[in-house]
Protein backbone atom coordinates (compact mmCIF):
# COMPACT_ATOMS: atom_id res chain seq x y z
CA MET A 1 13.79 105.70 -51.16
CA ASN A 2 16.06 102.72 -49.82
CA LYS A 3 17.33 102.34 -46.32
CA GLN A 4 20.86 101.44 -46.49
CA ILE A 5 21.85 97.77 -45.09
CA LEU A 6 23.57 98.06 -40.94
CA THR A 7 24.76 94.74 -39.75
CA TYR A 8 25.62 93.60 -35.94
CA SER A 9 29.48 93.66 -37.93
CA ALA A 10 29.26 97.12 -38.60
CA ALA A 11 28.03 98.90 -35.80
CA ARG A 12 30.38 97.02 -33.56
CA LYS A 13 33.06 97.73 -35.87
CA PHE A 14 32.06 101.56 -35.42
CA GLN A 15 32.30 101.27 -32.18
CA VAL A 16 35.68 99.96 -31.43
CA CYS A 17 37.06 102.73 -34.68
CA HIS A 18 35.09 104.83 -36.29
CA LYS A 19 38.69 104.51 -38.48
CA ALA A 20 38.20 100.96 -39.00
CA TYR A 21 34.53 101.48 -39.54
CA HIS A 22 34.79 104.00 -42.85
CA ASN A 23 37.80 101.62 -44.43
CA ARG A 24 36.53 97.98 -44.08
CA TYR A 25 32.58 99.24 -44.81
CA LEU A 26 32.76 102.46 -47.08
CA GLU A 27 36.21 102.45 -48.81
CA ASN A 28 35.31 98.90 -48.99
CA LEU A 29 39.01 97.36 -48.03
CA VAL A 30 40.02 93.94 -46.23
CA PRO A 31 44.42 92.69 -46.15
CA LEU A 32 45.05 90.65 -48.91
CA GLU A 33 46.11 88.00 -46.37
CA GLN A 34 42.91 86.70 -44.38
CA ASP A 35 42.69 86.31 -40.48
CA ASP A 36 43.31 82.20 -40.70
CA ALA A 37 41.71 82.15 -37.34
CA LEU A 38 37.99 84.07 -38.86
CA PHE A 39 38.31 81.12 -41.45
CA LEU A 40 38.16 78.47 -39.40
CA GLY A 41 35.42 80.03 -37.25
CA SER A 42 33.05 80.74 -40.33
CA ILE A 43 34.44 76.22 -41.21
CA ILE A 44 33.17 75.25 -37.59
CA HIS A 45 29.92 77.40 -38.43
CA GLU A 46 29.26 75.62 -41.49
CA CYS A 47 30.27 72.91 -40.95
CA LEU A 48 27.64 72.65 -36.81
CA GLU A 49 25.12 74.25 -39.99
CA VAL A 50 24.97 70.83 -41.62
CA TRP A 51 25.28 68.69 -38.10
CA TYR A 52 21.73 70.87 -37.06
CA LYS A 53 19.81 70.84 -40.53
CA LYS A 54 21.19 68.04 -41.99
CA LYS A 55 21.95 65.87 -39.40
CA ALA A 56 25.17 65.08 -41.54
CA THR A 57 27.34 61.98 -41.10
CA GLY A 58 31.20 62.33 -39.59
CA ALA A 59 32.51 61.95 -43.49
CA GLU A 60 29.90 64.06 -44.73
CA ILE A 61 31.78 66.64 -42.13
CA ASN A 62 34.94 65.33 -42.93
CA ARG A 63 34.39 65.59 -47.04
CA LEU A 64 32.74 69.48 -46.33
CA ILE A 65 36.48 70.62 -43.99
CA ASP A 66 38.54 69.33 -46.79
CA GLU A 67 36.71 70.62 -49.10
CA ALA A 68 37.39 73.72 -47.02
CA TYR A 69 41.29 73.33 -46.52
CA SER A 70 42.12 71.87 -50.17
CA LEU A 71 45.12 73.56 -49.75
CA ARG A 72 46.35 71.74 -46.94
CA ASP A 73 49.13 69.09 -47.66
CA SER A 74 50.98 72.08 -49.30
CA ALA A 75 49.72 74.48 -46.76
CA GLU A 76 50.82 74.61 -42.99
CA ARG A 77 48.15 76.54 -41.48
CA GLN A 78 45.93 75.03 -43.08
CA LYS A 79 47.03 71.65 -42.56
CA ARG A 80 46.79 72.66 -38.35
CA ASP A 81 43.11 73.62 -38.53
CA TRP A 82 42.33 70.99 -41.02
CA HIS A 83 43.52 68.51 -37.75
CA LEU A 84 41.54 70.52 -36.27
CA ALA A 85 39.08 72.02 -37.29
CA ARG A 86 38.46 67.35 -37.65
CA ALA A 87 38.79 66.13 -34.13
CA MET A 88 36.88 69.51 -33.02
CA MET A 89 33.80 68.46 -34.73
CA LYS A 90 34.46 64.76 -34.84
CA GLY A 91 34.81 65.68 -30.52
CA TYR A 92 31.80 67.48 -30.51
CA CYS A 93 29.50 65.52 -32.47
CA SER A 94 29.72 62.46 -30.81
CA HIS A 95 29.72 64.89 -27.27
CA TYR A 96 26.67 66.13 -28.05
CA ASP A 97 24.59 62.98 -30.08
CA GLN A 98 22.10 63.62 -28.01
CA GLU A 99 20.20 67.14 -27.44
CA GLN A 100 17.44 68.10 -24.92
CA PHE A 101 16.44 71.25 -27.81
CA GLU A 102 14.65 70.90 -30.55
CA VAL A 103 15.69 73.07 -33.25
CA ILE A 104 13.77 74.51 -35.16
CA GLU A 105 15.35 76.21 -38.51
CA THR A 106 19.27 77.12 -38.86
CA GLU A 107 21.43 80.18 -40.12
CA LEU A 108 17.68 81.97 -40.09
CA ASP A 109 18.53 85.76 -42.09
CA PHE A 110 17.19 88.64 -41.12
CA ARG A 111 16.00 92.56 -42.49
CA VAL A 112 13.99 94.24 -39.50
CA PRO A 113 13.12 98.23 -39.00
CA ILE A 114 15.73 99.90 -36.90
CA ILE A 115 13.01 101.52 -33.71
CA ASN A 116 13.47 105.00 -32.68
CA PRO A 117 13.24 103.81 -28.74
CA ARG A 118 11.72 107.97 -27.54
CA THR A 119 9.08 108.16 -30.91
CA GLY A 120 8.63 103.83 -31.98
CA ARG A 121 9.12 104.70 -35.71
CA PRO A 122 11.40 102.96 -38.29
CA SER A 123 14.57 105.03 -38.71
CA GLN A 124 14.58 106.62 -42.12
CA SER A 125 18.25 105.74 -43.59
CA PHE A 126 19.05 102.37 -42.06
CA GLU A 127 17.61 98.90 -41.31
CA LEU A 128 18.64 95.68 -39.51
CA MET A 129 20.30 92.94 -40.99
CA GLY A 130 22.22 89.87 -39.94
CA LYS A 131 22.43 85.70 -40.06
CA VAL A 132 21.67 83.85 -36.70
CA ASP A 133 23.38 80.43 -36.38
CA GLY A 134 19.61 78.77 -35.04
CA LEU A 135 16.47 79.25 -33.85
CA VAL A 136 15.77 76.68 -31.04
CA ARG A 137 13.16 75.55 -28.54
CA LEU A 138 13.03 74.03 -25.08
CA GLY A 139 10.78 73.43 -22.70
CA GLY A 140 7.76 75.28 -24.56
CA GLU A 141 10.35 78.82 -25.35
CA TYR A 142 12.11 79.88 -28.29
CA PHE A 143 15.75 80.42 -27.92
CA ILE A 144 18.96 81.79 -30.00
CA LEU A 145 21.70 79.14 -30.34
CA GLU A 146 24.90 80.82 -30.81
CA HIS A 147 28.17 78.87 -31.55
CA LYS A 148 31.69 80.18 -30.26
CA THR A 149 35.05 78.99 -30.84
CA ALA A 150 36.98 79.90 -27.79
CA ALA A 151 40.84 80.05 -27.44
CA LEU A 152 39.56 79.20 -23.88
CA ILE A 153 36.83 79.10 -21.95
CA THR A 154 37.62 80.36 -18.80
CA GLY A 155 35.37 81.81 -15.61
CA ASP A 156 35.92 85.39 -17.11
CA TYR A 157 34.58 84.19 -20.64
CA ILE A 158 30.83 82.81 -19.81
CA GLU A 159 31.25 85.72 -17.28
CA LYS A 160 30.64 88.46 -19.83
CA LEU A 161 28.23 86.67 -22.48
CA PRO A 162 25.48 88.32 -20.59
CA MET A 163 26.16 91.82 -21.53
CA ASP A 164 26.46 90.70 -25.32
CA PHE A 165 25.72 92.96 -28.07
CA GLN A 166 24.72 90.36 -30.92
CA VAL A 167 23.10 88.13 -29.25
CA ASN A 168 20.68 91.25 -27.52
CA LEU A 169 20.27 93.34 -30.72
CA TYR A 170 19.75 89.50 -32.17
CA ALA A 171 16.74 87.98 -29.85
CA ILE A 172 14.88 91.94 -31.13
CA ALA A 173 15.08 91.54 -34.51
CA LEU A 174 14.09 87.71 -34.58
CA GLY A 175 11.46 88.40 -32.40
CA ARG A 176 10.29 91.47 -34.82
CA GLU A 177 10.51 89.47 -37.69
CA ARG A 178 9.26 86.50 -36.63
CA GLN A 179 6.80 88.07 -34.68
CA ILE A 180 7.77 85.55 -31.30
CA PRO A 181 9.24 86.20 -28.13
CA ILE A 182 12.45 85.31 -27.62
CA ALA A 183 12.86 84.47 -24.17
CA GLY A 184 16.77 83.35 -24.60
CA VAL A 185 20.00 83.27 -25.57
CA ILE A 186 21.77 79.45 -25.49
CA TYR A 187 25.74 79.80 -26.28
CA ASN A 188 26.95 76.99 -27.67
CA VAL A 189 31.38 77.71 -26.70
CA ILE A 190 34.25 74.81 -28.46
CA GLN A 191 37.94 75.21 -27.38
CA LYS A 192 40.95 75.76 -29.54
CA SER A 193 43.24 73.06 -28.94
CA LYS A 194 46.95 74.66 -29.03
CA ILE A 195 48.38 71.14 -29.18
CA ARG A 196 50.61 71.02 -32.25
CA GLN A 197 51.60 68.67 -34.43
CA ARG A 198 55.63 67.32 -33.62
CA GLN A 199 57.63 68.30 -36.53
CA GLY A 200 60.78 66.48 -35.75
CA GLU A 201 64.06 67.30 -36.98
CA THR A 202 66.51 67.28 -39.66
CA GLU A 203 68.86 65.15 -40.13
CA ASP A 204 71.65 68.17 -40.24
CA GLN A 205 69.65 69.06 -36.47
CA PHE A 206 70.12 66.13 -35.28
CA GLU A 207 73.58 66.13 -35.87
CA LEU A 208 74.48 69.80 -34.56
CA ARG A 209 72.34 68.57 -31.06
CA ARG A 210 74.57 64.93 -30.96
CA GLN A 211 77.42 67.06 -30.71
CA ASP A 212 76.65 69.16 -28.09
CA LEU A 213 75.05 66.36 -25.84
CA ILE A 214 78.69 64.16 -26.78
CA ARG A 215 79.80 67.86 -25.02
CA LYS A 216 78.13 68.33 -22.73
CA SER A 217 78.82 63.94 -21.74
CA LYS A 218 81.34 62.45 -19.47
CA THR A 219 81.56 59.95 -21.44
CA GLY A 220 82.08 61.71 -25.11
CA LYS A 221 78.61 59.53 -26.41
CA THR A 222 75.30 59.92 -26.43
CA SER A 223 72.31 57.54 -26.68
CA ALA A 224 69.91 59.80 -28.59
CA LYS A 225 67.74 59.36 -31.89
CA ARG A 226 66.39 61.59 -34.07
CA GLN A 227 63.60 63.23 -33.59
CA ILE A 228 60.89 61.38 -36.76
CA PRO A 229 58.42 63.71 -37.17
CA GLU A 230 54.59 63.33 -36.01
CA SER A 231 52.68 61.52 -38.89
CA ASP A 232 48.89 63.42 -39.11
CA GLU A 233 47.76 59.73 -38.70
CA THR A 234 49.30 59.90 -34.75
CA PHE A 235 48.60 63.11 -34.77
CA GLN A 236 44.85 63.40 -35.05
CA LYS A 237 44.69 60.70 -32.84
CA ARG A 238 46.48 62.27 -30.54
CA LEU A 239 43.58 65.62 -30.83
CA GLU A 240 41.18 63.69 -31.00
CA SER A 241 41.96 62.77 -27.33
CA VAL A 242 41.65 66.13 -26.73
CA TYR A 243 38.30 66.66 -28.18
CA GLU A 244 36.80 63.69 -25.57
CA ALA A 245 37.56 66.27 -22.93
CA PRO A 246 34.23 67.24 -21.13
CA GLY A 247 35.86 71.05 -20.55
CA MET A 248 36.59 71.42 -24.35
CA TYR A 249 33.18 72.49 -24.64
CA ALA A 250 30.68 74.89 -22.63
CA ARG A 251 26.73 75.37 -23.17
CA GLU A 252 25.49 78.19 -20.90
CA THR A 253 21.54 79.25 -21.05
CA LEU A 254 20.37 83.25 -21.18
CA TYR A 255 17.27 84.74 -20.15
CA LEU A 256 17.79 88.22 -21.90
CA SER A 257 15.51 90.93 -19.68
CA LYS A 258 13.86 93.57 -20.88
CA ALA A 259 16.19 96.14 -19.66
CA ASP A 260 18.72 94.28 -22.23
CA MET A 261 16.61 94.61 -24.85
CA ASP A 262 16.07 98.65 -24.29
CA ARG A 263 19.18 99.12 -23.51
CA THR A 264 20.90 97.09 -27.01
CA GLU A 265 18.11 99.09 -28.60
CA GLN A 266 18.54 102.32 -28.03
CA GLU A 267 22.64 101.44 -27.93
CA LEU A 268 21.75 100.97 -31.49
CA TRP A 269 19.82 104.02 -32.50
CA GLU A 270 23.10 105.65 -31.00
CA ILE A 271 25.31 104.19 -33.10
CA THR A 272 22.88 105.25 -36.39
CA GLN A 273 23.08 108.54 -34.90
CA GLU A 274 26.33 108.45 -34.35
CA ILE A 275 27.80 107.34 -38.33
CA LEU A 276 24.92 109.63 -40.10
CA SER A 277 26.69 112.57 -37.47
CA SER A 278 30.23 111.09 -39.21
CA ARG A 279 29.21 111.29 -42.96
CA ARG A 280 27.21 114.53 -42.39
CA ARG A 281 30.89 116.36 -40.66
CA LYS A 282 33.79 113.18 -42.87
CA HIS A 283 36.01 112.53 -40.23
CA TRP A 284 35.98 109.20 -38.77
CA SER A 285 37.89 109.61 -36.18
CA GLN A 286 40.88 107.09 -34.61
CA ASN A 287 40.49 104.92 -31.47
CA THR A 288 44.28 104.64 -31.23
CA ASP A 289 43.62 102.19 -27.83
CA SER A 290 41.70 99.79 -29.82
CA CYS A 291 45.22 99.15 -33.18
CA PHE A 292 46.75 96.21 -31.23
CA ARG A 293 43.30 93.97 -29.27
CA TYR A 294 43.34 90.90 -27.74
CA TYR A 295 47.73 91.13 -28.82
CA ALA A 296 47.44 91.86 -32.33
CA PRO A 297 47.41 95.48 -34.32
CA CYS A 298 44.47 96.32 -36.49
CA MET A 299 43.51 94.95 -39.80
CA TYR A 300 43.87 98.46 -40.61
CA PHE A 301 47.02 99.33 -38.29
CA PRO A 302 49.94 99.61 -41.17
CA LEU A 303 47.39 101.45 -43.07
CA CYS A 304 46.68 104.27 -40.85
CA ARG A 305 49.94 104.14 -39.36
CA ALA A 306 51.10 105.19 -42.98
CA HIS A 307 48.55 108.02 -42.65
CA ASP A 308 46.41 106.24 -45.66
CA ASN A 309 49.61 106.07 -48.06
CA PRO A 310 48.81 105.13 -51.72
CA ASN A 311 51.06 102.67 -51.63
CA ILE A 312 50.33 100.36 -49.49
CA LYS A 313 46.78 101.06 -49.76
CA GLU A 314 47.46 99.46 -53.26
CA ASN A 315 50.04 96.60 -51.80
CA LEU A 316 48.42 95.02 -48.80
CA TYR A 317 45.01 95.92 -49.37
CA THR A 318 42.12 94.59 -51.76
CA LYS A 319 38.35 95.61 -52.21
CA ARG A 320 35.66 93.74 -51.02
CA PRO A 321 32.59 94.27 -50.74
CA PRO A 322 30.93 94.59 -47.13
CA HIS A 323 28.16 92.52 -45.92
CA SER A 324 29.14 89.43 -48.74
CA GLU A 325 27.97 86.48 -46.46
CA LEU A 326 24.71 88.01 -46.75
CA SER A 327 21.87 88.15 -49.59
CA VAL A 328 21.70 92.10 -50.71
CA SER A 329 22.63 94.05 -53.32
CA GLU A 330 25.75 96.67 -53.02
CA SER A 331 24.36 99.69 -53.78
CA ARG A 332 21.65 99.17 -50.98
CA ILE A 333 24.91 98.61 -48.25
CA PHE A 334 26.26 100.95 -45.39
């Protein structure tokens, strides 16, 4: 009997909202418009992989970024993220030119049984599959290297890292597959700058501003000059200077306790049982508290609001196999 694949992303989606899980992992629906923030994160992960795996040069990393944002001359969002990715990686490679840890392997795939913590026996329905950013050795111990891009690196962000379900799960899986003890995780965080390229103003915009200043002036004159758009070269240098600051990076080394591992294993098992229960009942409940998490609507909010209207589904969504980043046949995905 072929066991069905469960990933961290799928498990987390089910935890947040059963209906969202159903839409993504059973209906295979994704929005036609891609989440650009997630795309930027994936590009940074890819750049970090070649940096640690091949010790790529700055030119090689820039070439990778250029290929990812091939429409930057005509798409404003692509141009913005192209600038950001280049500056982030240039600053990172300079900031971490020498590492204290030894890189054992990058982008490790794993596929392991999901164990019933009460009986110690493997699930008959599911296997756990995923990909770890890196495995490193520090002070004779093995650690998972986990890359993160964050809108802001704050004390709250760092404080909640020990409760990270994902890395606890990955530590269990990688330790089980490689038969090595995983001592903990090294979080490697890069902050995303919020500065934007100055767009300047058109002749018409300048004339309107100039006339307004003249009206407000006691002399009836103004020395205002038209604001010229910031060149790509000037903006890139300004952005690169932001990434010279150490505060744009964070490293946190956390040890994982047996209690963390046991809690995560129990939680994973409970998720598999709840998924099976939803399948048997053919009921996928909505969590309306998650419709606007992180100040943005859930990707399936338009569909849920329209009560699964087929026109909304056809016009706003397309089908894409789940876990497409992993090497697994569609017939075994769940």
